[in-house]
Amino acid sequence: MTNRLSYAIVALLLCTLIALTAVVFIYDWPEKDNEDNFVIERSYRLVYTLELNFFDSREINLNWTVPENHANFQTVKILNFSTIPSWTTTDENGNNIAHFSVNPSPNGKLNISMTALITVNATQYQGLSEPIQYDTDSAIFRTYTQPEKFIESNNPIIIDMAHNITQSFLGPLNRSQALCTWVHHNLKYSNFSETPGGAIWALENRIGDCSEYAFLFVAMCRADNIPARVLNGIVTSSINATSWGNKNWEDVGHDWAEVYLPSQGWVWVDPTSGFYGCSDGEHIAFQAGHYCATLNGCYRYSFNGNVTITEDFEIFPIG
């Protein structure tokens, strides 16, 4: 009887061990970094091509935003161009800009490609520390709490709504989280639109694509004296396992946002999906800030000259 009981206990322990092992293999447990945040890396090979069609033989000047590192969220490990840039510079939002002065080929066409190996972190902060206060004289605070086109943070309607949402929350971390949650739950997502409506339009109509979600979130943060800005890039979540490869902007383009917390730096926030302080490992950022003087207020690239430009993205996961 005692032997049979011992065998039963051993068998039960073995079954429990097997079950636990199975759980470990079924669930891909994320590793922790030094700040006790969960991190999973995902890497992509991105070939981003601008297809130029010239209508005369004159030289054109092209400025193009280059993907860069974002602390805790994105690392650019390799970056090459098919045509060497004439020069590079950094804009007022900290973006790297490559400049090209180019002439058409004999057939009036020219492709310039940017090939990058980019690693993004599927990161979830477990405990964002609350900043004590902002340095209101700092360049970041002064720049990213001001209104701008499509981000009408000085509009009384936006100011009142932001204050109503955040009045029961203490500190910029909790207040900006509340704003993200509100925008996520109170806008209805529409199809992609090439014409932005802006923050006040989104608030009044309660509808928009990812641009309106980002504009409204950033505008309400700024109205509440929380530095925030728009991020522009692509997401891979719409690509299924059999459709990696060539994509256009309508397939993968996306706007989200980031807020500045003194204890953390810039923190990614996607009000469209409701993510705060985290990334799903499927966002690749190209440009920080809605307006870039070097790009004449455009996203990703700008040019002068008699030419049309088409974007093409070739994306593959690595590993």
C-alpha atoms as a PDB file:
ATOM      1  CA  MET A   1       0.000   0.000   0.000  1.00  0.00           C
ATOM      2  CA  THR A   2       2.818   2.372   0.977  1.00  0.00           C
ATOM      3  CA  ASN A   3       4.745   1.491  -2.205  1.00  0.00           C
ATOM      4  CA  ARG A   4       1.668   2.064  -4.337  1.00  0.00           C
ATOM      5  CA  LEU A   5       1.159   5.462  -2.651  1.00  0.00           C
ATOM      6  CA  SER A   6       4.819   6.370  -3.252  1.00  0.00           C
ATOM      7  CA  TYR A   7       4.553   5.386  -6.922  1.00  0.00           C
ATOM      8  CA  ALA A   8       1.388   7.498  -7.236  1.00  0.00           C
ATOM      9  CA  ILE A   9       3.107  10.538  -5.722  1.00  0.00           C
ATOM     10  CA  VAL A  10       6.117  10.133  -8.016  1.00  0.00           C
ATOM     11  CA  ALA A  11       3.819   9.759 -11.030  1.00  0.00           C
ATOM     12  CA  LEU A  12       1.902  12.884 -10.029  1.00  0.00           C
ATOM     13  CA  LEU A  13       5.121  14.860  -9.674  1.00  0.00           C
ATOM     14  CA  LEU A  14       6.334  13.671 -13.074  1.00  0.00           C
ATOM     15  CA  CYS A  15       3.043  14.656 -14.712  1.00  0.00           C
ATOM     16  CA  THR A  16       3.205  18.097 -13.075  1.00  0.00           C
ATOM     17  CA  LEU A  17       6.794  18.579 -14.278  1.00  0.00           C
ATOM     18  CA  ILE A  18       5.827  17.576 -17.823  1.00  0.00           C
ATOM     19  CA  ALA A  19       2.848  19.928 -17.770  1.00  0.00           C
ATOM     20  CA  LEU A  20       4.981  22.838 -16.580  1.00  0.00           C
ATOM     21  CA  THR A  21       7.598  22.072 -19.226  1.00  0.00           C
ATOM     22  CA  ALA A  22       4.868  22.050 -21.851  1.00  0.00           C
ATOM     23  CA  VAL A  23       3.718  25.478 -20.718  1.00  0.00           C
ATOM     24  CA  VAL A  24       7.247  26.813 -21.054  1.00  0.00           C
ATOM     25  CA  PHE A  25       7.509  25.507 -24.607  1.00  0.00           C
ATOM     26  CA  ILE A  26       4.023  26.683 -25.574  1.00  0.00           C
ATOM     27  CA  TYR A  27       4.445  30.202 -24.231  1.00  0.00           C
ATOM     28  CA  ASP A  28       7.435  32.235 -25.361  1.00  0.00           C
ATOM     29  CA  TRP A  29       8.336  33.887 -22.077  1.00  0.00           C
ATOM     30  CA  PRO A  30       9.883  37.332 -22.662  1.00  0.00           C
ATOM     31  CA  GLU A  31      13.205  38.137 -21.124  1.00  0.00           C
ATOM     32  CA  LYS A  32      13.704  41.012 -18.692  1.00  0.00           C
ATOM     33  CA  ASP A  33      16.095  43.873 -19.117  1.00  0.00           C
ATOM     34  CA  ASN A  34      17.896  45.656 -16.283  1.00  0.00           C
ATOM     35  CA  GLU A  35      14.869  47.859 -15.569  1.00  0.00           C
ATOM     36  CA  ASP A  36      12.507  44.924 -15.053  1.00  0.00           C
ATOM     37  CA  ASN A  37      10.750  45.541 -18.368  1.00  0.00           C
ATOM     38  CA  PHE A  38       9.692  42.673 -20.616  1.00  0.00           C
ATOM     39  CA  VAL A  39      11.491  42.720 -23.969  1.00  0.00           C
ATOM     40  CA  ILE A  40      11.207  40.570 -27.090  1.00  0.00           C
ATOM     41  CA  GLU A  41      13.208  41.584 -30.154  1.00  0.00           C
ATOM     42  CA  ARG A  42      11.882  41.317 -33.688  1.00  0.00           C
ATOM     43  CA  SER A  43      14.099  42.100 -36.665  1.00  0.00           C
ATOM     44  CA  TYR A  44      13.137  43.143 -40.183  1.00  0.00           C
ATOM     45  CA  ARG A  45      14.922  43.687 -43.457  1.00  0.00           C
ATOM     46  CA  LEU A  46      13.442  46.795 -45.044  1.00  0.00           C
ATOM     47  CA  VAL A  47      14.116  48.005 -48.581  1.00  0.00           C
ATOM     48  CA  TYR A  48      12.462  51.396 -48.932  1.00  0.00           C
ATOM     49  CA  THR A  49      12.527  52.667 -52.531  1.00  0.00           C
ATOM     50  CA  LEU A  50      11.607  56.030 -54.008  1.00  0.00           C
ATOM     51  CA  GLU A  51      10.709  55.676 -57.693  1.00  0.00           C
ATOM     52  CA  LEU A  52      11.393  58.980 -59.487  1.00  0.00           C
ATOM     53  CA  ASN A  53       9.788  59.808 -62.850  1.00  0.00           C
ATOM     54  CA  PHE A  54      11.298  62.919 -64.453  1.00  0.00           C
ATOM     55  CA  PHE A  55       9.485  65.182 -66.901  1.00  0.00           C
ATOM     56  CA  ASP A  56      12.571  67.073 -68.043  1.00  0.00           C
ATOM     57  CA  SER A  57      16.360  66.796 -67.774  1.00  0.00           C
ATOM     58  CA  ARG A  58      16.857  69.197 -64.892  1.00  0.00           C
ATOM     59  CA  GLU A  59      18.406  68.197 -61.582  1.00  0.00           C
ATOM     60  CA  ILE A  60      16.113  67.666 -58.636  1.00  0.00           C
ATOM     61  CA  ASN A  61      16.860  67.970 -54.920  1.00  0.00           C
ATOM     62  CA  LEU A  62      15.444  65.332 -52.617  1.00  0.00           C
ATOM     63  CA  ASN A  63      15.399  65.236 -48.814  1.00  0.00           C
ATOM     64  CA  TRP A  64      14.588  61.899 -47.208  1.00  0.00           C
ATOM     65  CA  THR A  65      14.096  60.952 -43.553  1.00  0.00           C
ATOM     66  CA  VAL A  66      16.356  58.122 -42.408  1.00  0.00           C
ATOM     67  CA  PRO A  67      15.112  55.639 -39.747  1.00  0.00           C
ATOM     68  CA  GLU A  68      17.129  55.954 -36.553  1.00  0.00           C
ATOM     69  CA  ASN A  69      17.454  54.511 -33.073  1.00  0.00           C
ATOM     70  CA  HIS A  70      14.710  55.084 -30.502  1.00  0.00           C
ATOM     71  CA  ALA A  71      15.810  54.220 -26.978  1.00  0.00           C
ATOM     72  CA  ASN A  72      13.985  51.144 -25.630  1.00  0.00           C
ATOM     73  CA  PHE A  73      11.996  50.677 -28.832  1.00  0.00           C
ATOM     74  CA  GLN A  74      14.019  50.560 -32.070  1.00  0.00           C
ATOM     75  CA  THR A  75      17.612  49.918 -33.189  1.00  0.00           C
ATOM     76  CA  VAL A  76      18.876  50.433 -36.742  1.00  0.00           C
ATOM     77  CA  LYS A  77      21.726  47.947 -37.152  1.00  0.00           C
ATOM     78  CA  ILE A  78      22.519  48.335 -40.877  1.00  0.00           C
ATOM     79  CA  LEU A  79      21.674  51.197 -43.257  1.00  0.00           C
ATOM     80  CA  ASN A  80      22.792  51.505 -46.893  1.00  0.00           C
ATOM     81  CA  PHE A  81      21.732  53.594 -49.893  1.00  0.00           C
ATOM     82  CA  SER A  82      21.820  52.613 -53.571  1.00  0.00           C
ATOM     83  CA  THR A  83      22.875  56.210 -54.317  1.00  0.00           C
ATOM     84  CA  ILE A  84      25.273  57.962 -51.941  1.00  0.00           C
ATOM     85  CA  PRO A  85      23.636  61.043 -50.355  1.00  0.00           C
ATOM     86  CA  SER A  86      25.148  64.419 -51.186  1.00  0.00           C
ATOM     87  CA  TRP A  87      25.024  65.265 -47.476  1.00  0.00           C
ATOM     88  CA  THR A  88      23.129  64.455 -44.296  1.00  0.00           C
ATOM     89  CA  THR A  89      21.784  66.654 -41.533  1.00  0.00           C
ATOM     90  CA  THR A  90      19.688  66.516 -38.375  1.00  0.00           C
ATOM     91  CA  ASP A  91      16.407  68.419 -38.216  1.00  0.00           C
ATOM     92  CA  GLU A  92      14.728  70.232 -35.327  1.00  0.00           C
ATOM     93  CA  ASN A  93      13.010  67.017 -34.158  1.00  0.00           C
ATOM     94  CA  GLY A  94      16.250  65.026 -34.092  1.00  0.00           C
ATOM     95  CA  ASN A  95      15.518  63.169 -37.343  1.00  0.00           C
ATOM     96  CA  ASN A  96      18.398  62.294 -39.654  1.00  0.00           C
ATOM     97  CA  ILE A  97      17.804  63.675 -43.153  1.00  0.00           C
ATOM     98  CA  ALA A  98      19.669  62.486 -46.263  1.00  0.00           C
ATOM     99  CA  HIS A  99      19.912  64.921 -49.188  1.00  0.00           C
ATOM    100  CA  PHE A 100      20.256  63.848 -52.828  1.00  0.00           C
ATOM    101  CA  SER A 101      20.971  66.056 -55.844  1.00  0.00           C
ATOM    102  CA  VAL A 102      20.238  63.831 -58.826  1.00  0.00           C
ATOM    103  CA  ASN A 103      19.641  63.926 -62.583  1.00  0.00           C
ATOM    104  CA  PRO A 104      17.403  61.540 -64.539  1.00  0.00           C
ATOM    105  CA  SER A 105      18.743  58.503 -66.330  1.00  0.00           C
ATOM    106  CA  PRO A 106      18.346  58.383 -70.140  1.00  0.00           C
ATOM    107  CA  ASN A 107      14.866  56.853 -69.841  1.00  0.00           C
ATOM    108  CA  GLY A 108      13.710  59.588 -67.445  1.00  0.00           C
ATOM    109  CA  LYS A 109      13.432  57.284 -64.449  1.00  0.00           C
ATOM    110  CA  LEU A 110      15.519  56.723 -61.352  1.00  0.00           C
ATOM    111  CA  ASN A 111      15.127  54.527 -58.268  1.00  0.00           C
ATOM    112  CA  ILE A 112      16.861  55.314 -54.991  1.00  0.00           C
ATOM    113  CA  SER A 113      16.697  52.586 -52.360  1.00  0.00           C
ATOM    114  CA  MET A 114      17.408  52.564 -48.655  1.00  0.00           C
ATOM    115  CA  THR A 115      18.176  49.110 -47.228  1.00  0.00           C
ATOM    116  CA  ALA A 116      18.005  48.711 -43.469  1.00  0.00           C
ATOM    117  CA  LEU A 117      18.162  45.987 -40.855  1.00  0.00           C
ATOM    118  CA  ILE A 118      15.947  47.199 -38.024  1.00  0.00           C
ATOM    119  CA  THR A 119      15.282  45.541 -34.685  1.00  0.00           C
ATOM    120  CA  VAL A 120      12.210  46.623 -32.742  1.00  0.00           C
ATOM    121  CA  ASN A 121      11.365  45.642 -29.198  1.00  0.00           C
ATOM    122  CA  ALA A 122       8.061  44.156 -28.159  1.00  0.00           C
ATOM    123  CA  THR A 123       8.393  46.018 -24.883  1.00  0.00           C
ATOM    124  CA  GLN A 124       5.989  46.394 -21.991  1.00  0.00           C
ATOM    125  CA  TYR A 125       7.081  48.570 -19.122  1.00  0.00           C
ATOM    126  CA  GLN A 126       6.021  47.069 -15.838  1.00  0.00           C
ATOM    127  CA  GLY A 127       6.469  50.206 -13.763  1.00  0.00           C
ATOM    128  CA  LEU A 128       7.034  53.574 -15.373  1.00  0.00           C
ATOM    129  CA  SER A 129       8.329  55.857 -12.631  1.00  0.00           C
ATOM    130  CA  GLU A 130       6.402  59.072 -12.158  1.00  0.00           C
ATOM    131  CA  PRO A 131       8.397  62.213 -13.008  1.00  0.00           C
ATOM    132  CA  ILE A 132       8.352  64.875 -10.307  1.00  0.00           C
ATOM    133  CA  GLN A 133       7.984  67.840 -12.645  1.00  0.00           C
ATOM    134  CA  TYR A 134       9.053  69.226 -16.007  1.00  0.00           C
ATOM    135  CA  ASP A 135      11.696  71.825 -16.596  1.00  0.00           C
ATOM    136  CA  THR A 136       9.360  74.336 -18.236  1.00  0.00           C
ATOM    137  CA  ASP A 137      12.337  76.277 -19.604  1.00  0.00           C
ATOM    138  CA  SER A 138      13.706  73.257 -21.480  1.00  0.00           C
ATOM    139  CA  ALA A 139      13.626  73.132 -25.278  1.00  0.00           C
ATOM    140  CA  ILE A 140      11.597  69.904 -25.224  1.00  0.00           C
ATOM    141  CA  PHE A 141       8.881  71.366 -23.002  1.00  0.00           C
ATOM    142  CA  ARG A 142       8.685  74.667 -24.887  1.00  0.00           C
ATOM    143  CA  THR A 143       8.623  72.993 -28.315  1.00  0.00           C
ATOM    144  CA  TYR A 144       6.280  70.091 -27.702  1.00  0.00           C
ATOM    145  CA  THR A 145       3.587  71.856 -25.667  1.00  0.00           C
ATOM    146  CA  GLN A 146       2.830  74.374 -28.441  1.00  0.00           C
ATOM    147  CA  PRO A 147       0.033  74.144 -31.035  1.00  0.00           C
ATOM    148  CA  GLU A 148       0.800  73.523 -34.694  1.00  0.00           C
ATOM    149  CA  LYS A 149      -1.033  72.602 -37.868  1.00  0.00           C
ATOM    150  CA  PHE A 150      -3.533  69.761 -37.193  1.00  0.00           C
ATOM    151  CA  ILE A 151      -2.537  69.820 -33.490  1.00  0.00           C
ATOM    152  CA  GLU A 152      -4.749  72.635 -32.179  1.00  0.00           C
ATOM    153  CA  SER A 153      -3.814  72.320 -28.520  1.00  0.00           C
ATOM    154  CA  ASN A 154      -4.783  75.951 -27.839  1.00  0.00           C
ATOM    155  CA  ASN A 155      -8.392  75.404 -28.955  1.00  0.00           C
ATOM    156  CA  PRO A 156     -10.769  75.894 -25.976  1.00  0.00           C
ATOM    157  CA  ILE A 157     -12.756  72.773 -26.872  1.00  0.00           C
ATOM    158  CA  ILE A 158      -9.631  70.602 -26.778  1.00  0.00           C
ATOM    159  CA  ILE A 159      -8.384  72.284 -23.580  1.00  0.00           C
ATOM    160  CA  ASP A 160     -11.698  71.709 -21.796  1.00  0.00           C
ATOM    161  CA  MET A 161     -11.933  68.090 -22.928  1.00  0.00           C
ATOM    162  CA  ALA A 162      -8.346  67.320 -21.907  1.00  0.00           C
ATOM    163  CA  HIS A 163      -8.871  68.830 -18.452  1.00  0.00           C
ATOM    164  CA  ASN A 164     -12.161  66.974 -17.985  1.00  0.00           C
ATOM    165  CA  ILE A 165     -10.467  63.668 -18.801  1.00  0.00           C
ATOM    166  CA  THR A 166      -7.408  64.195 -16.593  1.00  0.00           C
ATOM    167  CA  GLN A 167      -8.879  66.106 -13.627  1.00  0.00           C
ATOM    168  CA  SER A 168      -8.980  63.028 -11.374  1.00  0.00           C
ATOM    169  CA  PHE A 169      -5.440  61.860 -12.280  1.00  0.00           C
ATOM    170  CA  LEU A 170      -2.185  63.033 -10.722  1.00  0.00           C
ATOM    171  CA  GLY A 171       1.038  63.491 -12.677  1.00  0.00           C
ATOM    172  CA  PRO A 172       1.785  63.510 -16.421  1.00  0.00           C
ATOM    173  CA  LEU A 173       2.190  59.735 -16.601  1.00  0.00           C
ATOM    174  CA  ASN A 174      -1.292  58.976 -15.297  1.00  0.00           C
ATOM    175  CA  ARG A 175      -2.859  61.898 -17.156  1.00  0.00           C
ATOM    176  CA  SER A 176      -1.367  60.935 -20.519  1.00  0.00           C
ATOM    177  CA  GLN A 177      -2.407  57.309 -19.981  1.00  0.00           C
ATOM    178  CA  ALA A 178      -5.950  58.509 -19.360  1.00  0.00           C
ATOM    179  CA  LEU A 179      -5.863  60.574 -22.559  1.00  0.00           C
ATOM    180  CA  CYS A 180      -4.626  57.597 -24.583  1.00  0.00           C
ATOM    181  CA  THR A 181      -7.419  55.422 -23.217  1.00  0.00           C
ATOM    182  CA  TRP A 182     -10.058  58.068 -23.922  1.00  0.00           C
ATOM    183  CA  VAL A 183      -8.960  58.651 -27.518  1.00  0.00           C
ATOM    184  CA  HIS A 184      -8.747  54.921 -28.169  1.00  0.00           C
ATOM    185  CA  HIS A 185     -12.281  54.297 -26.906  1.00  0.00           C
ATOM    186  CA  ASN A 186     -14.022  57.417 -28.195  1.00  0.00           C
ATOM    187  CA  LEU A 187     -12.936  57.670 -31.835  1.00  0.00           C
ATOM    188  CA  LYS A 188     -14.265  55.394 -34.539  1.00  0.00           C
ATOM    189  CA  TYR A 189     -11.598  54.197 -36.939  1.00  0.00           C
ATOM    190  CA  SER A 190     -12.157  55.142 -40.590  1.00  0.00           C
ATOM    191  CA  ASN A 191     -10.440  54.048 -43.764  1.00  0.00           C
ATOM    192  CA  PHE A 192      -7.145  55.660 -44.784  1.00  0.00           C
ATOM    193  CA  SER A 193      -7.486  59.265 -45.951  1.00  0.00           C
ATOM    194  CA  GLU A 194      -4.823  61.262 -47.782  1.00  0.00           C
ATOM    195  CA  THR A 195      -6.319  64.499 -46.421  1.00  0.00           C
ATOM    196  CA  PRO A 196      -5.798  64.909 -42.645  1.00  0.00           C
ATOM    197  CA  GLY A 197      -8.675  66.276 -40.613  1.00  0.00           C
ATOM    198  CA  GLY A 198      -6.672  67.334 -37.571  1.00  0.00           C
ATOM    199  CA  ALA A 199      -7.300  67.158 -33.847  1.00  0.00           C
ATOM    200  CA  ILE A 200     -10.307  69.471 -33.517  1.00  0.00           C
ATOM    201  CA  TRP A 201     -11.996  67.806 -36.506  1.00  0.00           C
ATOM    202  CA  ALA A 202     -11.441  64.381 -34.934  1.00  0.00           C
ATOM    203  CA  LEU A 203     -12.853  65.537 -31.587  1.00  0.00           C
ATOM    204  CA  GLU A 204     -15.943  67.101 -33.141  1.00  0.00           C
ATOM    205  CA  ASN A 205     -16.657  64.192 -35.499  1.00  0.00           C
ATOM    206  CA  ARG A 206     -15.331  61.350 -33.286  1.00  0.00           C
ATOM    207  CA  ILE A 207     -13.899  59.581 -36.334  1.00  0.00           C
ATOM    208  CA  GLY A 208     -10.612  59.372 -38.212  1.00  0.00           C
ATOM    209  CA  ASP A 209      -7.754  57.189 -39.347  1.00  0.00           C
ATOM    210  CA  CYS A 210      -4.533  56.727 -37.365  1.00  0.00           C
ATOM    211  CA  SER A 211      -3.477  60.324 -38.101  1.00  0.00           C
ATOM    212  CA  GLU A 212      -6.525  61.743 -36.316  1.00  0.00           C
ATOM    213  CA  TYR A 213      -5.987  59.428 -33.338  1.00  0.00           C
ATOM    214  CA  ALA A 214      -2.388  60.647 -33.069  1.00  0.00           C
ATOM    215  CA  PHE A 215      -3.226  64.328 -33.676  1.00  0.00           C
ATOM    216  CA  LEU A 216      -5.988  64.362 -31.053  1.00  0.00           C
ATOM    217  CA  PHE A 217      -3.924  62.529 -28.450  1.00  0.00           C
ATOM    218  CA  VAL A 218      -0.930  64.834 -28.950  1.00  0.00           C
ATOM    219  CA  ALA A 219      -3.118  67.953 -28.926  1.00  0.00           C
ATOM    220  CA  MET A 220      -4.813  66.992 -25.644  1.00  0.00           C
ATOM    221  CA  CYS A 221      -1.451  66.127 -24.051  1.00  0.00           C
ATOM    222  CA  ARG A 222      -0.067  69.518 -25.041  1.00  0.00           C
ATOM    223  CA  ALA A 223      -3.239  71.222 -23.787  1.00  0.00           C
ATOM    224  CA  ASP A 224      -2.503  69.522 -20.446  1.00  0.00           C
ATOM    225  CA  ASN A 225       1.161  70.707 -20.509  1.00  0.00           C
ATOM    226  CA  ILE A 226       2.545  67.246 -21.325  1.00  0.00           C
ATOM    227  CA  PRO A 227       5.176  67.291 -24.119  1.00  0.00           C
ATOM    228  CA  ALA A 228       4.060  65.008 -26.948  1.00  0.00           C
ATOM    229  CA  ARG A 229       4.617  64.593 -30.673  1.00  0.00           C
ATOM    230  CA  VAL A 230       3.533  62.467 -33.630  1.00  0.00           C
ATOM    231  CA  LEU A 231       5.538  59.493 -34.921  1.00  0.00           C
ATOM    232  CA  ASN A 232       5.272  58.410 -38.534  1.00  0.00           C
ATOM    233  CA  GLY A 233       6.295  55.007 -39.876  1.00  0.00           C
ATOM    234  CA  ILE A 234       4.964  51.601 -40.803  1.00  0.00           C
ATOM    235  CA  VAL A 235       3.368  48.659 -39.018  1.00  0.00           C
ATOM    236  CA  THR A 236       3.762  45.032 -39.995  1.00  0.00           C
ATOM    237  CA  SER A 237       0.647  43.752 -38.202  1.00  0.00           C
ATOM    238  CA  SER A 238      -1.369  43.865 -41.435  1.00  0.00           C
ATOM    239  CA  ILE A 239       1.090  41.504 -43.166  1.00  0.00           C
ATOM    240  CA  ASN A 240       0.244  37.831 -42.822  1.00  0.00           C
ATOM    241  CA  ALA A 241       2.747  34.985 -43.038  1.00  0.00           C
ATOM    242  CA  THR A 242       2.312  34.532 -46.805  1.00  0.00           C
ATOM    243  CA  SER A 243       2.302  38.173 -47.921  1.00  0.00           C
ATOM    244  CA  TRP A 244       5.714  39.552 -46.912  1.00  0.00           C
ATOM    245  CA  GLY A 245       7.424  41.477 -49.683  1.00  0.00           C
ATOM    246  CA  ASN A 246       6.403  44.534 -51.693  1.00  0.00           C
ATOM    247  CA  LYS A 247       3.919  46.908 -50.054  1.00  0.00           C
ATOM    248  CA  ASN A 248       2.719  50.445 -50.655  1.00  0.00           C
ATOM    249  CA  TRP A 249       2.034  53.146 -48.092  1.00  0.00           C
ATOM    250  CA  GLU A 250      -1.693  52.385 -47.897  1.00  0.00           C
ATOM    251  CA  ASP A 251      -0.824  48.803 -46.889  1.00  0.00           C
ATOM    252  CA  VAL A 252       1.597  49.517 -44.043  1.00  0.00           C
ATOM    253  CA  GLY A 253       1.752  53.260 -43.299  1.00  0.00           C
ATOM    254  CA  HIS A 254       0.875  54.367 -39.779  1.00  0.00           C
ATOM    255  CA  ASP A 255       0.933  57.335 -37.400  1.00  0.00           C
ATOM    256  CA  TRP A 256       1.254  57.003 -33.643  1.00  0.00           C
ATOM    257  CA  ALA A 257       2.750  59.233 -30.936  1.00  0.00           C
ATOM    258  CA  GLU A 258       5.162  59.573 -28.074  1.00  0.00           C
ATOM    259  CA  VAL A 259       5.162  61.509 -24.808  1.00  0.00           C
ATOM    260  CA  TYR A 260       8.174  62.832 -22.974  1.00  0.00           C
ATOM    261  CA  LEU A 261       8.645  61.757 -19.347  1.00  0.00           C
ATOM    262  CA  PRO A 262      11.811  63.119 -17.671  1.00  0.00           C
ATOM    263  CA  SER A 263      12.526  59.800 -15.950  1.00  0.00           C
ATOM    264  CA  GLN A 264      12.092  57.749 -19.145  1.00  0.00           C
ATOM    265  CA  GLY A 265      12.688  59.987 -22.160  1.00  0.00           C
ATOM    266  CA  TRP A 266      10.404  59.600 -25.157  1.00  0.00           C
ATOM    267  CA  VAL A 267       7.846  56.826 -24.663  1.00  0.00           C
ATOM    268  CA  TRP A 268       5.862  55.350 -27.550  1.00  0.00           C
ATOM    269  CA  VAL A 269       2.065  55.576 -27.386  1.00  0.00           C
ATOM    270  CA  ASP A 270      -0.351  54.274 -30.020  1.00  0.00           C
ATOM    271  CA  PRO A 271      -3.846  55.611 -29.290  1.00  0.00           C
ATOM    272  CA  THR A 272      -5.254  53.795 -32.339  1.00  0.00           C
ATOM    273  CA  SER A 273      -4.506  50.415 -30.758  1.00  0.00           C
ATOM    274  CA  GLY A 274      -4.514  51.638 -27.140  1.00  0.00           C
ATOM    275  CA  PHE A 275      -0.838  50.847 -26.463  1.00  0.00           C
ATOM    276  CA  TYR A 276       0.864  53.012 -23.830  1.00  0.00           C
ATOM    277  CA  GLY A 277       4.537  52.800 -22.905  1.00  0.00           C
ATOM    278  CA  CYS A 278       4.947  49.743 -25.065  1.00  0.00           C
ATOM    279  CA  SER A 279       5.416  48.457 -28.576  1.00  0.00           C
ATOM    280  CA  ASP A 280       4.097  45.250 -30.076  1.00  0.00           C
ATOM    281  CA  GLY A 281       7.341  44.704 -32.017  1.00  0.00           C
ATOM    282  CA  GLU A 282       5.512  45.580 -35.232  1.00  0.00           C
ATOM    283  CA  HIS A 283       6.039  49.357 -35.375  1.00  0.00           C
ATOM    284  CA  ILE A 284       8.985  50.807 -37.346  1.00  0.00           C
ATOM    285  CA  ALA A 285       9.431  54.565 -36.888  1.00  0.00           C
ATOM    286  CA  PHE A 286      10.682  56.794 -39.712  1.00  0.00           C
ATOM    287  CA  GLN A 287      10.027  60.344 -38.560  1.00  0.00           C
ATOM    288  CA  ALA A 288       9.465  62.050 -35.211  1.00  0.00           C
ATOM    289  CA  GLY A 289       7.414  65.228 -35.124  1.00  0.00           C
ATOM    290  CA  HIS A 290       4.557  66.308 -37.334  1.00  0.00           C
ATOM    291  CA  TYR A 291       6.363  69.242 -38.922  1.00  0.00           C
ATOM    292  CA  CYS A 292       9.913  69.106 -40.245  1.00  0.00           C
ATOM    293  CA  ALA A 293      11.336  72.291 -41.758  1.00  0.00           C
ATOM    294  CA  THR A 294      13.889  70.380 -43.862  1.00  0.00           C
ATOM    295  CA  LEU A 295      11.012  68.453 -45.474  1.00  0.00           C
ATOM    296  CA  ASN A 296       8.867  71.593 -45.842  1.00  0.00           C
ATOM    297  CA  GLY A 297       6.262  70.107 -43.526  1.00  0.00           C
ATOM    298  CA  CYS A 298       6.014  66.821 -45.430  1.00  0.00           C
ATOM    299  CA  TYR A 299       6.288  63.278 -44.109  1.00  0.00           C
ATOM    300  CA  ARG A 300       9.265  61.050 -44.944  1.00  0.00           C
ATOM    301  CA  TYR A 301      10.536  62.961 -48.008  1.00  0.00           C
ATOM    302  CA  SER A 302      10.264  66.217 -49.958  1.00  0.00           C
ATOM    303  CA  PHE A 303      11.655  67.400 -53.299  1.00  0.00           C
ATOM    304  CA  ASN A 304      11.773  70.247 -55.778  1.00  0.00           C
ATOM    305  CA  GLY A 305      11.814  69.847 -59.532  1.00  0.00           C
ATOM    306  CA  ASN A 306       9.574  68.491 -62.279  1.00  0.00           C
ATOM    307  CA  VAL A 307       9.225  64.923 -61.051  1.00  0.00           C
ATOM    308  CA  THR A 308       6.727  62.527 -59.493  1.00  0.00           C
ATOM    309  CA  ILE A 309       7.705  60.105 -56.727  1.00  0.00           C
ATOM    310  CA  THR A 310       6.193  56.776 -55.700  1.00  0.00           C
ATOM    311  CA  GLU A 311       7.084  54.916 -52.478  1.00  0.00           C
ATOM    312  CA  ASP A 312       7.649  51.172 -52.372  1.00  0.00           C
ATOM    313  CA  PHE A 313       8.366  49.068 -49.279  1.00  0.00           C
ATOM    314  CA  GLU A 314       9.829  45.566 -49.341  1.00  0.00           C
ATOM    315  CA  ILE A 315       9.639  44.017 -45.883  1.00  0.00           C
ATOM    316  CA  PHE A 316      10.771  40.636 -44.620  1.00  0.00           C
ATOM    317  CA  PRO A 317      11.112  39.319 -41.083  1.00  0.00           C
ATOM    318  CA  ILE A 318      14.511  37.998 -40.014  1.00  0.00           C
ATOM    319  CA  GLY A 319      14.872  35.038 -37.741  1.00  0.00           C
END
